[in-house]
Amino acid sequence: MLWTAGALSLLLLAGAGTAAYLYQRLDGNIEGFDLERGLDEDSRPANLSPGAKNILVVGSDSREGTGGKYGSGFETMQSDTLMIVHIAANREWATAVSLPRDSWVEIPACDKGDGTMSEPHHFKINSSFAIGGLSGDIEGAATCTVKTVEQNTGLRIDHFMSLNFNGFKGMVDALGGVEVCPEQAIKDKKANLDLQPGCQTLNGEESLGYVRTRYALGNGSDISRIGRQQEFMETLAKKAQSKLRDPKAMFGFLDAFTSNLATDSALDGVRPLSDLARSVQGIPTDRLTFITVPNYPRELDVPTDTANVVWQYPQTETLFSKLARDEEVDKEALEASAEESRDIRPGQIRVQVLNGTGEAGRAGEVAEELRRAGFQVVGTGNAAEPAAETAIRYPEGLAATAEVLAGRVPGSEPTVAEPGAAPGVIILVIGDDFPGLRG
C-alpha cells in the first residue's frame, strides 16, 4: 500500500521526463533472482489455495557497507528477521507470522554454492540463510531458507523478499526519523545503541539499533524483540503515510528500499510490486493480523539448551494448516489454546512406536526422530498387521496429549485406543503414508 501510494505521488507531482527517470531508477535498483531454479517441485508442499500468496520476508543481517559497526568476522550471509506474510485469495484479510530466528528446526540439505550439499540437521532456523549464502549469492540463501520454511511449516512459499541493514536505515532517514518512547534507558554495545528514557526521534542508525537490541530490553529473548519490531514498523508506516505529498522524502524512502531489496523474479520490478500492493490496499486494519508462531523455551525439553525455542504443537500445526487452506486464523483463540496446553510438552509424553510398513528398522528410525524432538520413547516393535495409514492411539484421558504428537505428524487424527492399552502411553503406528515428523 505504501509502495503504490508513494510511487503514484512521485509520478503525479513530477514532470513526465522526471517521472520516467524516477521509475527506471527505482525499477533498476531491485535485485531479482530465479527462486524456482533451486527448488525440487516434487518435494514441495502442495498449493492448496491458488490465488492466495505466501511471501517469505527476510531482514538480512548483512554487514556489507556498515563499516563493522554491527559486528565483523561474519563469513556468511546472515538473517536477522523472518516473517511469512499470507495474503488471502479474496484479498479481504492478511496474516503475518513471525518466525523467531532462534527456532530449533530441521534444516534440509542445501546447495552450498561450491558444488557440494550440506547435511540435513537440526539448528536455528536463520542458519538456513547462512548455509545457502555461503558463496555470497542471495539466490542460494533464499532457496535454502524457503526449503527450510516449507519443510517445517507445510506452507508453499510463492515469493521471497529480503531487505538489508542499509535499506532499513535509509528508509528511516528519508522520512526524517521515527519517534519512539522507551520507558527506560537502553544501552547495548552489540546494537550500537545508547538511548535515554522518554520520547525521541531516532535517525536510521539509531532505529536499526533499537529494533535489533535484544539483551538490553525485556527478558533478552528474540520473542520480545519481535514485538518491538512490529510496533516500530507500524510507526514507520504511519510516518511514511504522512510524507506521501513530499516527493523528495518519498523518493528517498523508495530509493533506499529498492536499492537494498532482493526478490524472486516474479516480483522483480516496480510494476509487479505495485500490482501486489494495489491488490491488498483494501484490506481493513482489523483484518490484518500479526502472529508469532506459538513456541516455548527448548530448555524445558533439553535442559542444556538455554539459547533456542521450539514451536508448540498442535497450535503450530493448526496455524499453518489454516493458512495453507486459506482460512483466517483467530489469533485470540490460538493464543488461548497455546496457554492452556503450555504444560503439555514432548518431554512429558511417553510414546510406543510400531512399524506397520514392513520395512525393517522403520520403527527405530522414527523413534530416534521422536527422541531428538524431546519425546520419551518407551518401546518399539512391529504392528499386529500392515498399515497403509499412520495412526495415533491414546488411552482415555490423554486426548490433549495425543494432539501434541499429532501436531508433529501431518494428516494424522488421534483415536482412542482399545481397552487394555498401556496406561499413560500413546501408540504411534507407522503406516505406508507416514510423512515424517515436522519440526
Protein backbone atom coordinates (compact mmCIF):
# COMPACT_ATOMS: atom_id res chain seq x y z
CA MET A 1 0.00 0.00 0.00
CA LEU A 2 2.82 2.37 0.87
CA TRP A 3 4.65 1.42 -2.29
CA THR A 4 1.67 2.18 -4.54
CA ALA A 5 0.79 5.46 -2.86
CA GLY A 6 4.39 6.63 -2.79
CA ALA A 7 5.13 5.71 -6.40
CA LEU A 8 1.93 7.36 -7.64
CA SER A 9 2.60 10.54 -5.67
CA LEU A 10 6.03 10.81 -7.27
CA LEU A 11 4.70 10.29 -10.77
CA LEU A 12 1.86 12.76 -10.27
CA LEU A 13 3.99 15.52 -8.80
CA ALA A 14 6.93 15.15 -11.17
CA GLY A 15 7.11 16.10 -14.84
CA ALA A 16 6.82 13.40 -17.49
CA GLY A 17 10.57 13.18 -18.15
CA THR A 18 11.42 13.18 -14.47
CA ALA A 19 8.76 10.55 -13.77
CA ALA A 20 10.24 8.22 -16.36
CA TYR A 21 13.71 8.66 -14.90
CA LEU A 22 12.49 8.00 -11.37
CA TYR A 23 10.61 4.90 -12.46
CA GLN A 24 13.63 3.49 -14.27
CA ARG A 25 15.90 4.33 -11.34
CA LEU A 26 13.69 2.53 -8.82
CA ASP A 27 13.00 -0.37 -11.17
CA GLY A 28 16.69 -0.90 -11.83
CA ASN A 29 17.58 -0.85 -8.14
CA ILE A 30 15.92 -4.17 -7.33
CA GLU A 31 17.97 -7.37 -7.42
CA GLY A 32 15.97 -10.26 -8.82
CA PHE A 33 16.72 -13.98 -8.98
CA ASP A 34 15.09 -17.22 -10.07
CA LEU A 35 13.76 -18.85 -6.91
CA GLU A 36 12.25 -21.86 -8.70
CA ARG A 37 15.59 -22.97 -10.15
CA GLY A 38 16.94 -24.35 -6.88
CA LEU A 39 13.71 -25.95 -5.60
CA ASP A 40 12.65 -29.56 -6.23
CA GLU A 41 8.98 -29.38 -7.22
CA ASP A 42 8.33 -32.99 -6.18
CA SER A 43 9.33 -32.34 -2.56
CA ARG A 44 7.48 -29.03 -2.12
CA PRO A 45 4.14 -28.67 -0.30
CA ALA A 46 1.03 -28.75 -2.47
CA ASN A 47 -0.63 -25.46 -3.35
CA LEU A 48 -3.96 -25.85 -1.54
CA SER A 49 -5.17 -22.30 -2.13
CA PRO A 50 -4.50 -20.99 -5.63
CA GLY A 51 -4.89 -17.23 -5.66
CA ALA A 52 -3.59 -16.78 -2.12
CA LYS A 53 0.02 -15.63 -1.69
CA ASN A 54 2.63 -16.66 0.86
CA ILE A 55 5.56 -14.25 0.89
CA LEU A 56 8.67 -15.05 2.91
CA VAL A 57 10.22 -11.79 4.14
CA VAL A 58 13.77 -11.76 5.49
CA GLY A 59 15.60 -8.95 7.21
CA SER A 60 19.16 -9.56 6.06
CA ASP A 61 21.81 -9.17 8.75
CA SER A 62 24.37 -8.22 6.10
CA ARG A 63 27.41 -6.28 7.39
CA GLU A 64 28.27 -5.02 3.93
CA GLY A 65 28.68 -1.24 3.91
CA THR A 66 28.31 -0.84 7.69
CA GLY A 67 32.00 -0.33 8.48
CA GLY A 68 31.95 -3.07 11.09
CA LYS A 69 29.59 -1.14 13.39
CA TYR A 70 27.32 -4.13 13.85
CA GLY A 71 29.94 -6.81 14.19
CA SER A 72 32.57 -8.26 11.91
CA GLY A 73 34.17 -11.60 11.16
CA PHE A 74 30.99 -12.97 9.58
CA GLU A 75 31.98 -15.07 6.58
CA THR A 76 28.41 -15.93 5.59
CA MET A 77 25.22 -14.05 4.89
CA GLN A 78 23.08 -13.63 7.99
CA SER A 79 19.32 -13.24 8.53
CA ASP A 80 18.01 -11.25 11.44
CA THR A 81 14.23 -11.41 10.95
CA LEU A 82 11.95 -13.95 9.25
CA MET A 83 8.26 -13.49 8.54
CA ILE A 84 5.64 -15.21 6.39
CA VAL A 85 3.02 -12.85 5.00
CA HIS A 86 -0.13 -14.69 3.88
CA ILE A 87 -2.43 -12.69 1.61
CA ALA A 88 -5.88 -14.26 1.21
CA ALA A 89 -7.12 -15.17 -2.25
CA ASN A 90 -10.10 -12.82 -1.85
CA ARG A 91 -7.74 -10.01 -0.71
CA GLU A 92 -10.02 -9.33 2.27
CA TRP A 93 -7.55 -10.30 5.00
CA ALA A 94 -3.88 -10.98 5.59
CA THR A 95 -1.80 -12.59 8.33
CA ALA A 96 1.89 -12.02 9.06
CA VAL A 97 3.59 -14.81 11.04
CA SER A 98 6.92 -14.05 12.70
CA LEU A 99 9.36 -16.96 12.98
CA PRO A 100 11.83 -16.41 15.84
CA ARG A 101 15.35 -16.71 14.46
CA ASP A 102 16.26 -18.97 17.40
CA SER A 103 13.60 -21.53 16.40
CA TRP A 104 15.10 -25.02 16.64
CA VAL A 105 14.02 -26.75 13.43
CA GLU A 106 15.20 -29.27 10.86
CA ILE A 107 17.47 -27.71 8.23
CA PRO A 108 17.30 -29.71 4.97
CA ALA A 109 20.22 -30.46 2.67
CA CYS A 110 21.10 -27.30 0.75
CA ASP A 111 23.45 -26.38 -2.09
CA LYS A 112 26.44 -24.57 -0.55
CA GLY A 113 27.33 -22.88 -3.82
CA ASP A 114 30.52 -24.85 -4.40
CA GLY A 115 29.04 -27.98 -5.91
CA THR A 116 28.51 -29.70 -2.55
CA MET A 117 25.43 -30.16 -0.39
CA SER A 118 25.09 -29.59 3.34
CA GLU A 119 23.89 -32.43 5.55
CA PRO A 120 20.33 -32.33 6.96
CA HIS A 121 20.47 -31.39 10.63
CA HIS A 122 18.66 -29.51 13.39
CA PHE A 123 19.67 -25.95 14.25
CA LYS A 124 18.40 -22.36 14.43
CA ILE A 125 16.08 -21.56 11.55
CA ASN A 126 18.08 -18.49 10.48
CA SER A 127 21.14 -20.67 9.80
CA SER A 128 19.47 -21.78 6.56
CA PHE A 129 20.08 -18.31 5.08
CA ALA A 130 23.76 -18.53 6.01
CA ILE A 131 24.19 -22.07 4.64
CA GLY A 132 22.60 -21.25 1.31
CA GLY A 133 24.52 -17.98 1.15
CA LEU A 134 27.99 -19.38 1.78
CA SER A 135 29.07 -18.18 -1.66
CA GLY A 136 27.57 -14.73 -1.07
CA ASP A 137 24.74 -15.42 -3.52
CA ILE A 138 21.28 -14.20 -2.45
CA GLU A 139 19.61 -16.80 -4.67
CA GLY A 140 21.27 -19.63 -2.74
CA ALA A 141 20.43 -18.04 0.61
CA ALA A 142 16.80 -17.57 -0.40
CA THR A 143 16.46 -21.09 -1.78
CA CYS A 144 17.74 -22.78 1.37
CA THR A 145 15.57 -20.56 3.56
CA VAL A 146 12.46 -21.32 1.50
CA LYS A 147 13.20 -25.07 1.62
CA THR A 148 13.58 -24.89 5.39
CA VAL A 149 10.40 -22.88 5.95
CA GLU A 150 8.33 -25.06 3.61
CA GLN A 151 9.55 -28.27 5.25
CA ASN A 152 8.81 -27.07 8.78
CA THR A 153 5.50 -25.30 8.13
CA GLY A 154 3.90 -27.24 5.29
CA LEU A 155 3.18 -23.91 3.57
CA ARG A 156 4.10 -23.39 -0.05
CA ILE A 157 6.07 -20.16 -0.42
CA ASP A 158 5.16 -18.15 -3.53
CA HIS A 159 7.54 -15.21 -3.22
CA PHE A 160 10.67 -14.09 -1.38
CA MET A 161 11.79 -10.61 -0.34
CA SER A 162 14.95 -9.59 1.52
CA LEU A 163 15.90 -6.15 2.83
CA ASN A 164 19.29 -5.48 4.44
CA PHE A 165 20.62 -3.14 7.11
CA ASN A 166 21.35 -0.21 4.82
CA GLY A 167 17.88 -0.25 3.28
CA PHE A 168 16.20 -0.01 6.66
CA LYS A 169 18.43 2.87 7.77
CA GLY A 170 17.93 4.76 4.52
CA MET A 171 14.14 4.46 4.70
CA VAL A 172 14.09 5.97 8.19
CA ASP A 173 16.49 8.78 7.30
CA ALA A 174 14.49 9.69 4.18
CA LEU A 175 11.44 10.28 6.38
CA GLY A 176 13.35 12.48 8.82
CA GLY A 177 13.49 9.85 11.55
CA VAL A 178 10.91 7.93 13.58
CA GLU A 179 9.74 8.67 17.12
CA VAL A 180 9.96 6.07 19.88
CA CYS A 181 9.19 6.39 23.57
CA PRO A 182 11.27 3.94 25.62
CA GLU A 183 10.31 3.79 29.29
CA GLN A 184 13.87 3.04 30.38
CA ALA A 185 17.38 3.84 29.26
CA ILE A 186 18.75 1.48 26.62
CA LYS A 187 22.46 0.78 26.37
CA ASP A 188 23.52 -2.05 24.09
CA LYS A 189 27.01 -2.10 22.60
CA LYS A 190 26.12 -5.01 20.31
CA ALA A 191 23.34 -2.92 18.77
CA ASN A 192 25.41 0.28 18.82
CA LEU A 193 22.69 1.94 20.90
CA ASP A 194 22.66 4.41 23.80
CA LEU A 195 19.24 6.00 24.47
CA GLN A 196 17.73 7.88 27.40
CA PRO A 197 14.14 7.19 28.53
CA GLY A 198 11.33 9.27 27.05
CA CYS A 199 10.02 10.16 23.58
CA GLN A 200 12.66 10.99 20.99
CA THR A 201 13.15 10.86 17.23
CA LEU A 202 15.68 8.30 16.07
CA ASN A 203 17.68 8.51 12.86
CA GLY A 204 18.29 5.47 10.68
CA GLU A 205 21.27 4.09 12.54
CA GLU A 206 19.63 4.59 15.95
CA SER A 207 16.42 2.98 14.67
CA LEU A 208 18.35 -0.03 13.44
CA GLY A 209 19.93 -0.41 16.86
CA TYR A 210 16.53 -0.04 18.52
CA VAL A 211 14.87 -2.85 16.54
CA ARG A 212 17.97 -5.07 16.80
CA THR A 213 18.66 -4.70 20.54
CA ARG A 214 17.91 -7.87 22.39
CA TYR A 215 19.65 -8.19 25.73
CA ALA A 216 19.13 -4.59 26.88
CA LEU A 217 15.31 -4.76 26.93
CA GLY A 218 12.62 -7.12 28.17
CA ASN A 219 13.72 -10.65 29.00
CA GLY A 220 16.52 -10.67 26.44
CA SER A 221 14.70 -13.07 24.14
CA ASP A 222 14.09 -12.89 20.42
CA ILE A 223 10.35 -13.06 21.18
CA SER A 224 10.24 -9.71 22.96
CA ARG A 225 12.30 -8.18 20.16
CA ILE A 226 9.78 -9.37 17.56
CA GLY A 227 7.01 -7.45 19.32
CA ARG A 228 9.14 -4.30 19.40
CA GLN A 229 9.95 -4.67 15.69
CA GLN A 230 6.27 -5.00 14.80
CA GLU A 231 5.42 -1.85 16.77
CA PHE A 232 8.26 0.08 15.15
CA MET A 233 7.25 -0.93 11.63
CA GLU A 234 3.70 0.26 12.34
CA THR A 235 5.10 3.64 13.42
CA LEU A 236 7.35 3.74 10.35
CA ALA A 237 4.35 3.07 8.09
CA LYS A 238 2.38 5.92 9.66
CA LYS A 239 5.32 8.28 9.22
CA ALA A 240 5.62 7.28 5.56
CA GLN A 241 1.91 7.95 5.06
CA SER A 242 2.38 11.44 6.46
CA LYS A 243 5.05 12.09 3.81
CA LEU A 244 3.09 10.98 0.75
CA ARG A 245 2.87 14.54 -0.56
CA ASP A 246 6.57 15.15 -0.08
CA PRO A 247 8.17 13.86 -3.32
CA LYS A 248 11.72 14.26 -2.06
CA ALA A 249 11.04 12.24 1.10
CA MET A 250 9.10 9.58 -0.77
CA PHE A 251 11.75 9.17 -3.45
CA GLY A 252 14.43 8.83 -0.78
CA PHE A 253 12.26 6.29 1.03
CA LEU A 254 11.61 4.24 -2.11
CA ASP A 255 15.17 4.58 -3.38
CA ALA A 256 16.57 3.25 -0.09
CA PHE A 257 14.03 0.44 -0.12
CA THR A 258 14.62 -0.72 -3.68
CA SER A 259 18.41 -0.25 -3.55
CA ASN A 260 18.64 -2.82 -0.78
CA LEU A 261 15.85 -5.14 -1.88
CA ALA A 262 16.19 -8.61 -3.39
CA THR A 263 13.15 -10.52 -4.67
CA ASP A 264 12.25 -13.56 -6.70
CA SER A 265 11.92 -12.84 -10.41
CA ALA A 266 8.11 -12.63 -10.26
CA LEU A 267 8.34 -9.54 -8.00
CA ASP A 268 11.45 -8.07 -9.61
CA GLY A 269 10.35 -4.58 -10.60
CA VAL A 270 8.24 -1.57 -9.68
CA ARG A 271 5.21 -2.78 -11.63
CA PRO A 272 4.81 -6.25 -10.06
CA LEU A 273 5.40 -4.83 -6.59
CA SER A 274 2.89 -2.06 -7.26
CA ASP A 275 0.35 -4.56 -8.57
CA LEU A 276 0.75 -6.68 -5.45
CA ALA A 277 0.42 -3.65 -3.19
CA ARG A 278 -2.62 -2.40 -5.07
CA SER A 279 -4.33 -5.77 -4.68
CA VAL A 280 -4.15 -5.60 -0.88
CA GLN A 281 -4.72 -1.91 -0.19
CA GLY A 282 -8.40 -2.55 0.51
CA ILE A 283 -7.73 -4.90 3.45
CA PRO A 284 -9.11 -3.24 6.61
CA THR A 285 -6.72 -2.85 9.53
CA ASP A 286 -8.79 -5.15 11.75
CA ARG A 287 -8.31 -7.97 9.22
CA LEU A 288 -4.52 -7.61 9.19
CA THR A 289 -3.16 -9.90 11.93
CA PHE A 290 0.38 -10.20 13.32
CA ILE A 291 1.15 -13.53 14.99
CA THR A 292 4.33 -15.03 16.42
CA VAL A 293 4.43 -18.79 15.88
CA PRO A 294 3.48 -20.48 19.20
CA ASN A 295 6.66 -21.51 20.98
CA TYR A 296 8.35 -22.18 24.29
CA PRO A 297 12.00 -22.41 25.50
CA ARG A 298 13.70 -25.59 24.32
CA GLU A 299 15.35 -25.70 27.73
CA LEU A 300 12.11 -27.21 29.06
CA ASP A 301 12.74 -30.29 26.89
CA VAL A 302 16.53 -30.17 26.75
CA PRO A 303 17.87 -28.55 29.96
CA THR A 304 21.28 -27.88 28.42
CA ASP A 305 19.83 -25.70 25.63
CA THR A 306 19.18 -22.24 27.02
CA ALA A 307 19.51 -20.43 23.69
CA ASN A 308 16.67 -21.70 21.49
CA VAL A 309 12.90 -22.07 21.29
CA VAL A 310 10.78 -24.86 19.83
CA TRP A 311 7.41 -24.48 18.19
CA GLN A 312 4.41 -25.55 20.22
CA TYR A 313 2.13 -28.24 18.86
CA PRO A 314 -0.68 -28.79 17.95
CA GLN A 315 -1.12 -24.98 17.82
CA THR A 316 1.64 -24.50 15.24
CA GLU A 317 0.12 -27.21 13.06
CA THR A 318 -3.30 -25.54 13.38
CA LEU A 319 -1.86 -22.16 12.41
CA PHE A 320 -0.08 -23.30 9.27
CA SER A 321 -2.77 -25.78 8.21
CA LYS A 322 -5.35 -22.99 8.27
CA LEU A 323 -3.14 -20.68 6.24
CA ALA A 324 -2.40 -23.47 3.76
CA ARG A 325 -6.17 -23.81 3.22
CA ASP A 326 -6.54 -20.01 3.08
CA GLU A 327 -8.58 -19.90 6.28
CA GLU A 328 -8.39 -16.85 8.54
CA VAL A 329 -6.72 -17.51 11.90
CA ASP A 330 -8.36 -16.43 15.16
CA LYS A 331 -5.34 -15.02 16.99
CA GLU A 332 -7.00 -14.86 20.40
CA ALA A 333 -8.23 -18.45 20.17
CA LEU A 334 -4.81 -19.66 19.02
CA GLU A 335 -3.03 -17.91 21.88
CA ALA A 336 -5.60 -19.14 24.41
CA SER A 337 -5.13 -22.72 23.21
CA ALA A 338 -1.36 -22.36 23.46
CA GLU A 339 -1.65 -21.05 27.01
CA GLU A 340 -3.99 -23.88 28.07
CA SER A 341 -1.65 -26.61 26.84
CA ARG A 342 1.61 -24.87 27.73
CA ASP A 343 2.47 -27.58 30.25
CA ILE A 344 1.98 -30.48 27.81
CA ARG A 345 5.41 -30.82 26.26
CA PRO A 346 7.18 -33.65 24.40
CA GLY A 347 9.43 -34.35 27.38
CA GLN A 348 6.36 -35.45 29.34
CA ILE A 349 4.84 -37.63 26.62
CA ARG A 350 5.50 -41.39 26.53
CA VAL A 351 5.29 -42.96 23.08
CA GLN A 352 5.46 -46.53 21.78
CA VAL A 353 6.35 -46.77 18.07
CA LEU A 354 5.03 -49.67 16.00
CA ASN A 355 6.10 -50.39 12.44
CA GLY A 356 3.23 -51.13 10.07
CA THR A 357 5.17 -50.66 6.84
CA GLY A 358 7.01 -53.97 6.62
CA GLU A 359 10.24 -52.00 6.11
CA ALA A 360 12.83 -53.31 8.56
CA GLY A 361 14.13 -50.78 11.09
CA ARG A 362 11.47 -48.15 10.39
CA ALA A 363 10.22 -48.04 13.98
CA GLY A 364 13.74 -47.45 15.27
CA GLU A 365 14.33 -44.62 12.83
CA VAL A 366 11.13 -42.83 13.82
CA ALA A 367 11.84 -43.47 17.50
CA GLU A 368 15.16 -41.67 17.11
CA GLU A 369 13.39 -38.71 15.44
CA LEU A 370 10.98 -38.56 18.36
CA ARG A 371 13.80 -38.60 20.89
CA ARG A 372 15.50 -35.72 19.11
CA ALA A 373 12.22 -33.84 19.36
CA GLY A 374 12.19 -34.43 23.12
CA PHE A 375 9.60 -37.24 23.37
CA GLN A 376 10.01 -40.21 25.72
CA VAL A 377 10.09 -43.36 23.60
CA VAL A 378 9.21 -46.31 25.83
CA GLY A 379 9.47 -49.01 23.20
CA THR A 380 9.40 -50.04 19.55
CA GLY A 381 8.06 -53.05 17.67
CA ASN A 382 6.01 -54.28 14.75
CA ALA A 383 2.30 -53.59 14.33
CA ALA A 384 -0.05 -56.57 14.51
CA GLU A 385 -0.90 -56.11 10.84
CA PRO A 386 0.27 -53.99 7.89
CA ALA A 387 -0.89 -50.38 7.99
CA ALA A 388 -1.48 -48.28 4.91
CA GLU A 389 -2.25 -45.21 7.04
CA THR A 390 -0.36 -43.81 10.01
CA ALA A 391 -2.36 -43.87 13.24
CA ILE A 392 -2.09 -42.41 16.73
CA ARG A 393 -3.95 -44.17 19.54
CA TYR A 394 -4.22 -42.93 23.10
CA PRO A 395 -5.71 -44.16 26.41
CA GLU A 396 -8.75 -42.42 27.90
CA GLY A 397 -7.87 -39.03 29.36
CA LEU A 398 -4.88 -38.34 27.12
CA ALA A 399 -6.63 -36.69 24.17
CA ALA A 400 -4.87 -33.35 24.63
CA THR A 401 -1.52 -35.10 24.97
CA ALA A 402 -2.12 -37.10 21.80
CA GLU A 403 -2.88 -33.88 19.93
CA VAL A 404 0.63 -32.63 20.72
CA LEU A 405 2.12 -35.68 18.99
CA ALA A 406 -0.41 -35.44 16.15
CA GLY A 407 0.73 -31.88 15.52
CA ARG A 408 4.13 -33.31 14.56
CA VAL A 409 2.62 -35.89 12.18
CA PRO A 410 0.80 -34.03 9.38
CA GLY A 411 -2.55 -35.52 8.43
CA SER A 412 -2.89 -37.74 11.50
CA GLU A 413 -6.08 -37.93 13.57
CA PRO A 414 -5.72 -39.43 17.09
CA THR A 415 -8.23 -42.08 18.16
CA VAL A 416 -8.96 -43.70 21.50
CA ALA A 417 -7.00 -46.93 21.96
CA GLU A 418 -8.62 -50.29 22.59
CA PRO A 419 -9.31 -51.17 26.25
CA GLY A 420 -6.28 -52.69 27.90
CA ALA A 421 -3.75 -50.34 26.30
CA ALA A 422 -0.77 -49.48 28.47
CA PRO A 423 -1.75 -46.60 30.78
CA GLY A 424 -0.09 -43.27 30.06
CA VAL A 425 1.42 -44.44 26.75
CA ILE A 426 0.47 -43.15 23.29
CA ILE A 427 0.90 -45.56 20.39
CA LEU A 428 2.21 -44.31 17.06
CA VAL A 429 1.67 -46.80 14.23
CA ILE A 430 3.87 -46.00 11.25
CA GLY A 431 1.92 -46.57 8.05
CA ASP A 432 2.94 -46.53 4.40
CA ASP A 433 1.84 -42.87 4.19
CA PHE A 434 4.00 -41.67 7.12
CA PRO A 435 5.21 -38.19 6.08
CA GLY A 436 7.95 -37.84 8.67
CA LEU A 437 7.93 -35.66 11.75
CA ARG A 438 7.53 -31.94 11.37
CA GLY A 439 9.76 -29.62 13.33
